C-alpha atoms as a PDB file:
ATOM      1  CA  UNK A   1      -3.015  -4.960  21.435  1.00  0.00           C
ATOM      2  CA  UNK A   2      -3.782  -8.819  20.929  1.00  0.00           C
ATOM      3  CA  UNK A   3      -3.684 -10.169  17.302  1.00  0.00           C
ATOM      4  CA  UNK A   4      -6.034 -12.752  15.288  1.00  0.00           C
ATOM      5  CA  UNK A   5      -5.082 -14.828  11.881  1.00  0.00           C
ATOM      6  CA  UNK A   6      -8.018 -16.840  10.694  1.00  0.00           C
ATOM      7  CA  UNK A   7      -8.244 -18.803   7.723  1.00  0.00           C
ATOM      8  CA  UNK A   8     -10.778 -18.528   5.420  1.00  0.00           C
ATOM      9  CA  UNK A   9     -11.788 -19.921   1.810  1.00  0.00           C
ATOM     10  CA  UNK A  10     -13.435 -18.461  -0.514  1.00  0.00           C
ATOM     11  CA  UNK A  11     -14.791 -18.254  -3.731  1.00  0.00           C
ATOM     12  CA  UNK A  12     -13.230 -15.637  -6.001  1.00  0.00           C
ATOM     13  CA  UNK A  13     -10.090 -13.672  -5.655  1.00  0.00           C
ATOM     14  CA  UNK A  14      -9.847 -11.672  -9.020  1.00  0.00           C
ATOM     15  CA  UNK A  15     -12.231  -8.808  -8.892  1.00  0.00           C
ATOM     16  CA  UNK A  16     -13.349  -6.023 -11.156  1.00  0.00           C
ATOM     17  CA  UNK A  17     -11.588  -2.417  -9.912  1.00  0.00           C
ATOM     18  CA  UNK A  18     -12.876   1.324  -9.587  1.00  0.00           C
ATOM     19  CA  UNK A  19      -9.688   2.537  -9.105  1.00  0.00           C
ATOM     20  CA  UNK A  20      -8.673   4.544 -12.021  1.00  0.00           C
ATOM     21  CA  UNK A  21      -5.911   2.361 -14.441  1.00  0.00           C
ATOM     22  CA  UNK A  22      -6.661  -0.844 -13.275  1.00  0.00           C
ATOM     23  CA  UNK A  23      -9.439  -2.989 -14.677  1.00  0.00           C
ATOM     24  CA  UNK A  24      -8.556  -5.528 -11.752  1.00  0.00           C
ATOM     25  CA  UNK A  25      -7.447  -5.816  -8.235  1.00  0.00           C
ATOM     26  CA  UNK A  26      -6.391  -9.018  -6.332  1.00  0.00           C
ATOM     27  CA  UNK A  27      -7.068  -8.857  -2.245  1.00  0.00           C
ATOM     28  CA  UNK A  28      -4.888 -11.533  -0.669  1.00  0.00           C
ATOM     29  CA  UNK A  29      -6.291 -10.875   2.737  1.00  0.00           C
ATOM     30  CA  UNK A  30      -8.854  -9.357   5.217  1.00  0.00           C
ATOM     31  CA  UNK A  31      -7.463  -6.730   7.311  1.00  0.00           C
ATOM     32  CA  UNK A  32      -4.070  -5.427   8.228  1.00  0.00           C
ATOM     33  CA  UNK A  33      -2.187  -5.904  11.260  1.00  0.00           C
ATOM     34  CA  UNK A  34      -0.256  -2.446  10.263  1.00  0.00           C
ATOM     35  CA  UNK A  35      -3.337  -0.618  12.030  1.00  0.00           C
ATOM     36  CA  UNK A  36      -3.064   2.630  10.333  1.00  0.00           C
ATOM     37  CA  UNK A  37      -5.326   5.374  12.157  1.00  0.00           C
ATOM     38  CA  UNK A  38      -6.359   6.496   9.083  1.00  0.00           C
ATOM     39  CA  UNK A  39      -7.198   3.550   7.138  1.00  0.00           C
ATOM     40  CA  UNK A  40     -10.073   3.700   4.633  1.00  0.00           C
ATOM     41  CA  UNK A  41     -10.166  -0.044   4.708  1.00  0.00           C
ATOM     42  CA  UNK A  42     -11.965  -0.212   7.835  1.00  0.00           C
ATOM     43  CA  UNK A  43     -15.284   0.049   5.985  1.00  0.00           C
ATOM     44  CA  UNK A  44     -14.675  -3.592   5.246  1.00  0.00           C
ATOM     45  CA  UNK A  45     -15.417  -4.927   8.816  1.00  0.00           C
ATOM     46  CA  UNK A  46     -19.581  -4.200   7.806  1.00  0.00           C
ATOM     47  CA  UNK A  47     -18.853  -6.614   4.935  1.00  0.00           C
ATOM     48  CA  UNK A  48     -16.617  -9.539   7.261  1.00  0.00           C
ATOM     49  CA  UNK A  49     -18.604  -9.319  10.675  1.00  0.00           C
ATOM     50  CA  UNK A  50     -15.657  -8.556  12.718  1.00  0.00           C
ATOM     51  CA  UNK A  51     -16.109  -6.681  16.077  1.00  0.00           C
ATOM     52  CA  UNK A  52     -12.415  -6.756  16.616  1.00  0.00           C
ATOM     53  CA  UNK A  53     -10.834  -3.524  16.579  1.00  0.00           C
ATOM     54  CA  UNK A  54      -8.851  -2.473  12.831  1.00  0.00           C
ATOM     55  CA  UNK A  55      -5.635  -4.010  12.862  1.00  0.00           C
ATOM     56  CA  UNK A  56      -6.300  -6.769  15.388  1.00  0.00           C
ATOM     57  CA  UNK A  57      -7.085  -9.122  12.781  1.00  0.00           C
ATOM     58  CA  UNK A  58      -5.847 -11.058   8.970  1.00  0.00           C
ATOM     59  CA  UNK A  59      -8.351 -13.149   7.547  1.00  0.00           C
ATOM     60  CA  UNK A  60      -6.204 -15.026   5.299  1.00  0.00           C
ATOM     61  CA  UNK A  61      -7.502 -16.539   1.630  1.00  0.00           C
ATOM     62  CA  UNK A  62      -5.934 -19.653   1.570  1.00  0.00           C
ATOM     63  CA  UNK A  63      -6.918 -21.098  -1.838  1.00  0.00           C
ATOM     64  CA  UNK A  64      -6.252 -17.863  -3.337  1.00  0.00           C
ATOM     65  CA  UNK A  65      -3.486 -19.189  -5.808  1.00  0.00           C
ATOM     66  CA  UNK A  66      -5.550 -22.064  -6.741  1.00  0.00           C
ATOM     67  CA  UNK A  67      -8.829 -19.605  -7.401  1.00  0.00           C
ATOM     68  CA  UNK A  68      -6.936 -17.859  -9.073  1.00  0.00           C
ATOM     69  CA  UNK A  69      -5.919 -20.324 -11.383  1.00  0.00           C
ATOM     70  CA  UNK A  70      -9.174 -20.694 -12.120  1.00  0.00           C
ATOM     71  CA  UNK A  71     -10.109 -17.201 -13.173  1.00  0.00           C
ATOM     72  CA  UNK A  72      -7.265 -16.256 -15.396  1.00  0.00           C
ATOM     73  CA  UNK A  73      -8.164 -18.762 -17.372  1.00  0.00           C
ATOM     74  CA  UNK A  74     -11.370 -17.296 -18.506  1.00  0.00           C
ATOM     75  CA  UNK A  75     -10.367 -13.754 -17.874  1.00  0.00           C
ATOM     76  CA  UNK A  76     -10.050 -10.551 -20.079  1.00  0.00           C
ATOM     77  CA  UNK A  77      -6.375  -9.162 -20.381  1.00  0.00           C
ATOM     78  CA  UNK A  78      -6.544  -6.282 -17.967  1.00  0.00           C
ATOM     79  CA  UNK A  79      -4.214  -4.490 -15.357  1.00  0.00           C
ATOM     80  CA  UNK A  80      -4.054  -5.832 -12.131  1.00  0.00           C
ATOM     81  CA  UNK A  81      -3.743  -3.824  -8.361  1.00  0.00           C
ATOM     82  CA  UNK A  82      -2.518  -5.963  -5.264  1.00  0.00           C
ATOM     83  CA  UNK A  83      -3.660  -4.888  -3.290  1.00  0.00           C
ATOM     84  CA  UNK A  84      -6.087  -2.165  -3.101  1.00  0.00           C
ATOM     85  CA  UNK A  85      -7.558  -2.576   0.603  1.00  0.00           C
ATOM     86  CA  UNK A  86      -4.560  -4.887   2.369  1.00  0.00           C
ATOM     87  CA  UNK A  87      -1.176  -4.647   2.432  1.00  0.00           C
ATOM     88  CA  UNK A  88      -0.242  -7.499   0.247  1.00  0.00           C
ATOM     89  CA  UNK A  89       3.475  -8.327   2.031  1.00  0.00           C
ATOM     90  CA  UNK A  90       2.420  -7.685   5.886  1.00  0.00           C
ATOM     91  CA  UNK A  91       3.964  -9.859   8.233  1.00  0.00           C
ATOM     92  CA  UNK A  92       1.595 -12.992   7.694  1.00  0.00           C
ATOM     93  CA  UNK A  93       2.666 -13.072   4.043  1.00  0.00           C
ATOM     94  CA  UNK A  94       5.878 -14.297   5.330  1.00  0.00           C
ATOM     95  CA  UNK A  95       3.576 -17.490   6.580  1.00  0.00           C
ATOM     96  CA  UNK A  96       1.121 -17.728   4.076  1.00  0.00           C
ATOM     97  CA  UNK A  97       3.105 -16.737   1.222  1.00  0.00           C
ATOM     98  CA  UNK A  98      -0.640 -16.003  -0.670  1.00  0.00           C
ATOM     99  CA  UNK A  99       0.894 -12.834  -2.345  1.00  0.00           C
ATOM    100  CA  UNK A 100       4.000 -14.780  -3.585  1.00  0.00           C
ATOM    101  CA  UNK A 101       2.094 -17.801  -4.990  1.00  0.00           C
ATOM    102  CA  UNK A 102      -0.720 -15.389  -6.609  1.00  0.00           C
ATOM    103  CA  UNK A 103       2.181 -13.969  -8.670  1.00  0.00           C
ATOM    104  CA  UNK A 104       3.089 -17.071  -9.726  1.00  0.00           C
ATOM    105  CA  UNK A 105      -0.064 -17.832 -10.707  1.00  0.00           C
ATOM    106  CA  UNK A 106       0.244 -14.240 -12.953  1.00  0.00           C
ATOM    107  CA  UNK A 107       3.489 -15.161 -14.536  1.00  0.00           C
ATOM    108  CA  UNK A 108       2.443 -16.888 -17.196  1.00  0.00           C
ATOM    109  CA  UNK A 109      -0.462 -14.235 -18.538  1.00  0.00           C
ATOM    110  CA  UNK A 110       2.354 -11.604 -18.005  1.00  0.00           C
ATOM    111  CA  UNK A 111      -1.076  -9.164 -16.890  1.00  0.00           C
ATOM    112  CA  UNK A 112       0.351  -6.008 -16.340  1.00  0.00           C
ATOM    113  CA  UNK A 113       0.653  -5.738 -12.508  1.00  0.00           C
ATOM    114  CA  UNK A 114       1.232  -2.940 -10.143  1.00  0.00           C
ATOM    115  CA  UNK A 115       2.164  -3.802  -6.503  1.00  0.00           C
ATOM    116  CA  UNK A 116       1.058  -1.520  -3.420  1.00  0.00           C
ATOM    117  CA  UNK A 117       3.098  -1.497   0.029  1.00  0.00           C
ATOM    118  CA  UNK A 118       4.439  -0.649   3.077  1.00  0.00           C
ATOM    119  CA  UNK A 119       6.542  -3.524   3.568  1.00  0.00           C
ATOM    120  CA  UNK A 120       9.998  -4.771   3.015  1.00  0.00           C
ATOM    121  CA  UNK A 121       8.987  -7.852   2.308  1.00  0.00           C
ATOM    122  CA  UNK A 122       8.131  -7.221  -0.807  1.00  0.00           C
ATOM    123  CA  UNK A 123      12.159  -8.314  -1.275  1.00  0.00           C
ATOM    124  CA  UNK A 124      11.547 -11.461  -0.845  1.00  0.00           C
ATOM    125  CA  UNK A 125      10.221 -11.991  -4.245  1.00  0.00           C
ATOM    126  CA  UNK A 126      12.570 -10.002  -5.924  1.00  0.00           C
ATOM    127  CA  UNK A 127      13.241 -12.898  -8.578  1.00  0.00           C
ATOM    128  CA  UNK A 128       9.679 -12.980  -9.632  1.00  0.00           C
ATOM    129  CA  UNK A 129       9.117 -10.114  -9.523  1.00  0.00           C
ATOM    130  CA  UNK A 130      11.312  -9.456 -12.290  1.00  0.00           C
ATOM    131  CA  UNK A 131      10.484 -11.826 -14.736  1.00  0.00           C
ATOM    132  CA  UNK A 132       7.223  -9.513 -15.563  1.00  0.00           C
ATOM    133  CA  UNK A 133       7.545  -7.502 -18.445  1.00  0.00           C
ATOM    134  CA  UNK A 134       5.115  -4.790 -17.029  1.00  0.00           C
ATOM    135  CA  UNK A 135       5.323  -4.355 -13.152  1.00  0.00           C
ATOM    136  CA  UNK A 136       5.724  -1.824 -10.989  1.00  0.00           C
ATOM    137  CA  UNK A 137       5.723  -1.468  -7.107  1.00  0.00           C
ATOM    138  CA  UNK A 138       4.604   1.483  -4.720  1.00  0.00           C
ATOM    139  CA  UNK A 139       5.916   1.878  -1.671  1.00  0.00           C
ATOM    140  CA  UNK A 140       3.496   4.297   0.892  1.00  0.00           C
ATOM    141  CA  UNK A 141       5.882   6.505   2.558  1.00  0.00           C
ATOM    142  CA  UNK A 142       3.539   9.525   4.440  1.00  0.00           C
ATOM    143  CA  UNK A 143       6.269  11.247   6.232  1.00  0.00           C
ATOM    144  CA  UNK A 144       9.231  11.629   6.752  1.00  0.00           C
ATOM    145  CA  UNK A 145       9.332  11.887  10.719  1.00  0.00           C
ATOM    146  CA  UNK A 146       9.391   8.757  12.347  1.00  0.00           C
ATOM    147  CA  UNK A 147       7.967  10.075  15.435  1.00  0.00           C
ATOM    148  CA  UNK A 148       4.540  10.954  13.264  1.00  0.00           C
ATOM    149  CA  UNK A 149       4.750   7.315  11.561  1.00  0.00           C
ATOM    150  CA  UNK A 150       4.674   6.124  14.926  1.00  0.00           C
ATOM    151  CA  UNK A 151       1.844   7.837  15.689  1.00  0.00           C
ATOM    152  CA  UNK A 152      -0.448   7.204  12.970  1.00  0.00           C
ATOM    153  CA  UNK A 153       1.267   3.529  11.693  1.00  0.00           C
ATOM    154  CA  UNK A 154       2.025   2.206  15.022  1.00  0.00           C
ATOM    155  CA  UNK A 155       3.017  -1.479  13.657  1.00  0.00           C
ATOM    156  CA  UNK A 156       3.825  -0.408   9.904  1.00  0.00           C
ATOM    157  CA  UNK A 157       7.724  -0.865   9.038  1.00  0.00           C
ATOM    158  CA  UNK A 158       9.529   2.016  10.617  1.00  0.00           C
ATOM    159  CA  UNK A 159       9.998   5.051   7.686  1.00  0.00           C
ATOM    160  CA  UNK A 160      14.500   4.095   6.977  1.00  0.00           C
ATOM    161  CA  UNK A 161      13.415   0.569   5.940  1.00  0.00           C
ATOM    162  CA  UNK A 162      11.157   1.339   3.196  1.00  0.00           C
ATOM    163  CA  UNK A 163      13.518   4.060   2.054  1.00  0.00           C
ATOM    164  CA  UNK A 164      15.574   1.345   1.667  1.00  0.00           C
ATOM    165  CA  UNK A 165      12.926  -1.035  -0.064  1.00  0.00           C
ATOM    166  CA  UNK A 166      12.183   1.191  -2.677  1.00  0.00           C
ATOM    167  CA  UNK A 167      16.486   2.192  -3.165  1.00  0.00           C
ATOM    168  CA  UNK A 168      16.729  -1.892  -3.422  1.00  0.00           C
ATOM    169  CA  UNK A 169      13.994  -2.276  -6.167  1.00  0.00           C
ATOM    170  CA  UNK A 170      15.420   0.834  -8.014  1.00  0.00           C
ATOM    171  CA  UNK A 171      18.986  -0.366  -7.962  1.00  0.00           C
ATOM    172  CA  UNK A 172      17.382  -4.313  -9.286  1.00  0.00           C
ATOM    173  CA  UNK A 173      15.605  -2.332 -12.225  1.00  0.00           C
ATOM    174  CA  UNK A 174      12.260  -2.664 -11.067  1.00  0.00           C
ATOM    175  CA  UNK A 175       9.755   0.370 -12.002  1.00  0.00           C
ATOM    176  CA  UNK A 176       8.903   2.396  -8.570  1.00  0.00           C
ATOM    177  CA  UNK A 177       6.669   4.579  -7.316  1.00  0.00           C
ATOM    178  CA  UNK A 178       6.264   6.645  -3.728  1.00  0.00           C
ATOM    179  CA  UNK A 179       2.263   6.488  -2.616  1.00  0.00           C
ATOM    180  CA  UNK A 180       2.458   9.904  -0.634  1.00  0.00           C
ATOM    181  CA  UNK A 181      -0.978   9.645   0.794  1.00  0.00           C
ATOM    182  CA  UNK A 182      -2.321  10.507   3.170  1.00  0.00           C
ATOM    183  CA  UNK A 183      -0.152  13.359   3.616  1.00  0.00           C
ATOM    184  CA  UNK A 184       1.377  13.391   7.519  1.00  0.00           C
ATOM    185  CA  UNK A 185       2.693  16.138   9.577  1.00  0.00           C
ATOM    186  CA  UNK A 186       6.314  16.308   7.519  1.00  0.00           C
ATOM    187  CA  UNK A 187       9.465  18.206   6.165  1.00  0.00           C
ATOM    188  CA  UNK A 188       8.646  18.244   2.578  1.00  0.00           C
ATOM    189  CA  UNK A 189      11.973  19.151   1.314  1.00  0.00           C
ATOM    190  CA  UNK A 190      13.832  16.271   3.576  1.00  0.00           C
ATOM    191  CA  UNK A 191      10.883  13.270   2.127  1.00  0.00           C
ATOM    192  CA  UNK A 192      11.858  14.334  -1.324  1.00  0.00           C
ATOM    193  CA  UNK A 193      15.934  14.369  -0.533  1.00  0.00           C
ATOM    194  CA  UNK A 194      15.634  10.731   0.897  1.00  0.00           C
ATOM    195  CA  UNK A 195      13.378   9.276  -1.798  1.00  0.00           C
ATOM    196  CA  UNK A 196      13.525  11.554  -5.139  1.00  0.00           C
ATOM    197  CA  UNK A 197      16.493   9.238  -6.827  1.00  0.00           C
ATOM    198  CA  UNK A 198      14.407   5.777  -6.375  1.00  0.00           C
ATOM    199  CA  UNK A 199      11.219   6.819  -7.739  1.00  0.00           C
ATOM    200  CA  UNK A 200      10.102   6.996 -11.404  1.00  0.00           C
ATOM    201  CA  UNK A 201       6.757   8.716 -10.222  1.00  0.00           C
ATOM    202  CA  UNK A 202       4.567   9.910  -7.644  1.00  0.00           C
ATOM    203  CA  UNK A 203       1.247   9.798  -6.048  1.00  0.00           C
ATOM    204  CA  UNK A 204       0.376  12.383  -3.563  1.00  0.00           C
ATOM    205  CA  UNK A 205      -2.992  12.357  -1.667  1.00  0.00           C
ATOM    206  CA  UNK A 206      -4.417  14.015   1.078  1.00  0.00           C
ATOM    207  CA  UNK A 207      -6.475  12.695   4.357  1.00  0.00           C
ATOM    208  CA  UNK A 208      -9.699  12.048   3.104  1.00  0.00           C
ATOM    209  CA  UNK A 209     -11.339  10.508   5.900  1.00  0.00           C
ATOM    210  CA  UNK A 210     -10.665  13.108   8.819  1.00  0.00           C
ATOM    211  CA  UNK A 211     -13.156  11.861  11.900  1.00  0.00           C
ATOM    212  CA  UNK A 212     -10.659   9.047  12.062  1.00  0.00           C
ATOM    213  CA  UNK A 213      -7.693  10.678  12.889  1.00  0.00           C
ATOM    214  CA  UNK A 214      -8.090  14.219  14.240  1.00  0.00           C
ATOM    215  CA  UNK A 215      -8.830  13.797  17.711  1.00  0.00           C
ATOM    216  CA  UNK A 216      -4.558  13.258  17.047  1.00  0.00           C
ATOM    217  CA  UNK A 217      -3.764  15.916  15.247  1.00  0.00           C
ATOM    218  CA  UNK A 218      -6.066  18.088  18.631  1.00  0.00           C
ATOM    219  CA  UNK A 219      -3.914  15.875  21.120  1.00  0.00           C
ATOM    220  CA  UNK A 220      -0.242  16.690  19.086  1.00  0.00           C
ATOM    221  CA  UNK A 221      -1.610  19.754  18.808  1.00  0.00           C
ATOM    222  CA  UNK A 222      -1.190  19.441  14.775  1.00  0.00           C
ATOM    223  CA  UNK A 223      -4.759  21.393  13.706  1.00  0.00           C
ATOM    224  CA  UNK A 224      -3.281  22.825  10.828  1.00  0.00           C
ATOM    225  CA  UNK A 225      -2.458  20.028   9.569  1.00  0.00           C
ATOM    226  CA  UNK A 226      -6.778  19.685   9.081  1.00  0.00           C
ATOM    227  CA  UNK A 227      -6.936  23.243   6.991  1.00  0.00           C
ATOM    228  CA  UNK A 228      -7.613  23.052   3.509  1.00  0.00           C
ATOM    229  CA  UNK A 229      -4.987  25.502   2.625  1.00  0.00           C
ATOM    230  CA  UNK A 230      -2.251  24.552   4.874  1.00  0.00           C
ATOM    231  CA  UNK A 231      -1.928  21.007   3.381  1.00  0.00           C
ATOM    232  CA  UNK A 232      -2.287  22.740  -0.161  1.00  0.00           C
ATOM    233  CA  UNK A 233       0.864  24.567   0.792  1.00  0.00           C
ATOM    234  CA  UNK A 234       2.470  21.126   1.726  1.00  0.00           C
ATOM    235  CA  UNK A 235       1.564  19.909  -1.319  1.00  0.00           C
ATOM    236  CA  UNK A 236       2.521  22.804  -3.669  1.00  0.00           C
ATOM    237  CA  UNK A 237       6.380  21.970  -1.573  1.00  0.00           C
ATOM    238  CA  UNK A 238       6.313  18.553  -2.938  1.00  0.00           C
ATOM    239  CA  UNK A 239       5.260  19.456  -6.173  1.00  0.00           C
ATOM    240  CA  UNK A 240       8.699  21.586  -6.290  1.00  0.00           C
ATOM    241  CA  UNK A 241      10.545  19.061  -4.665  1.00  0.00           C
ATOM    242  CA  UNK A 242       9.770  16.018  -7.206  1.00  0.00           C
ATOM    243  CA  UNK A 243       9.920  18.261 -10.712  1.00  0.00           C
ATOM    244  CA  UNK A 244      11.930  16.502 -12.467  1.00  0.00           C
ATOM    245  CA  UNK A 245       8.845  13.430 -11.651  1.00  0.00           C
ATOM    246  CA  UNK A 246       6.101  12.485 -12.855  1.00  0.00           C
ATOM    247  CA  UNK A 247       3.884  14.099  -9.868  1.00  0.00           C
ATOM    248  CA  UNK A 248       0.220  12.596  -9.792  1.00  0.00           C
ATOM    249  CA  UNK A 249      -2.631  14.918  -6.974  1.00  0.00           C
ATOM    250  CA  UNK A 250      -5.258  12.594  -6.142  1.00  0.00           C
END
């Protein structure tokens, strides 16, 4: 698959959020090179005019920091999530630094910030992240099985890199959580053991768009992972494994 990066100019970057607990969202990019097979954000293609396969394009909002600076001057203080429909630390962030530059704009205002990513690139910004009075970082870890990760999240960082990332953030005194969503084929006890010491709390979510991945489950003969009762038991085991942590099931 070829990858396409476009540079676009925007008029707004601080958007009202419908996500519980978040007043605003910031998405420095449109699209994502991780190419996760289950990604709900592929609906964005309806609004952007992209015809390329999801996971093959990213639009970089190159004036996002400047627009954010203007919007913050008149914005009521509220909780911000970065990001809701893209990974703010996907590979192109290494070039454009839009997420970092947006954080620099946010810092003087001290809005509470929630960052959700799959990428160890977030460690690059520890210097600025530690300056926020109220900030937390979620690392998405959907399985303990690297073979499963390669199938469902073909271009995303390996699981070991994500676990090492949440460990480092924890060691740096940054509040962290694991987002286990969607629950992919796994050994729940092994996953809990690998990350329980490094997270303050956990979100667990089922796969919500079965039509995107049903053919994969069928091909791998993992149909039971599409059964509600079976997955409910996996979630029960996850919750039991994290019994000393706050667990929210979405």
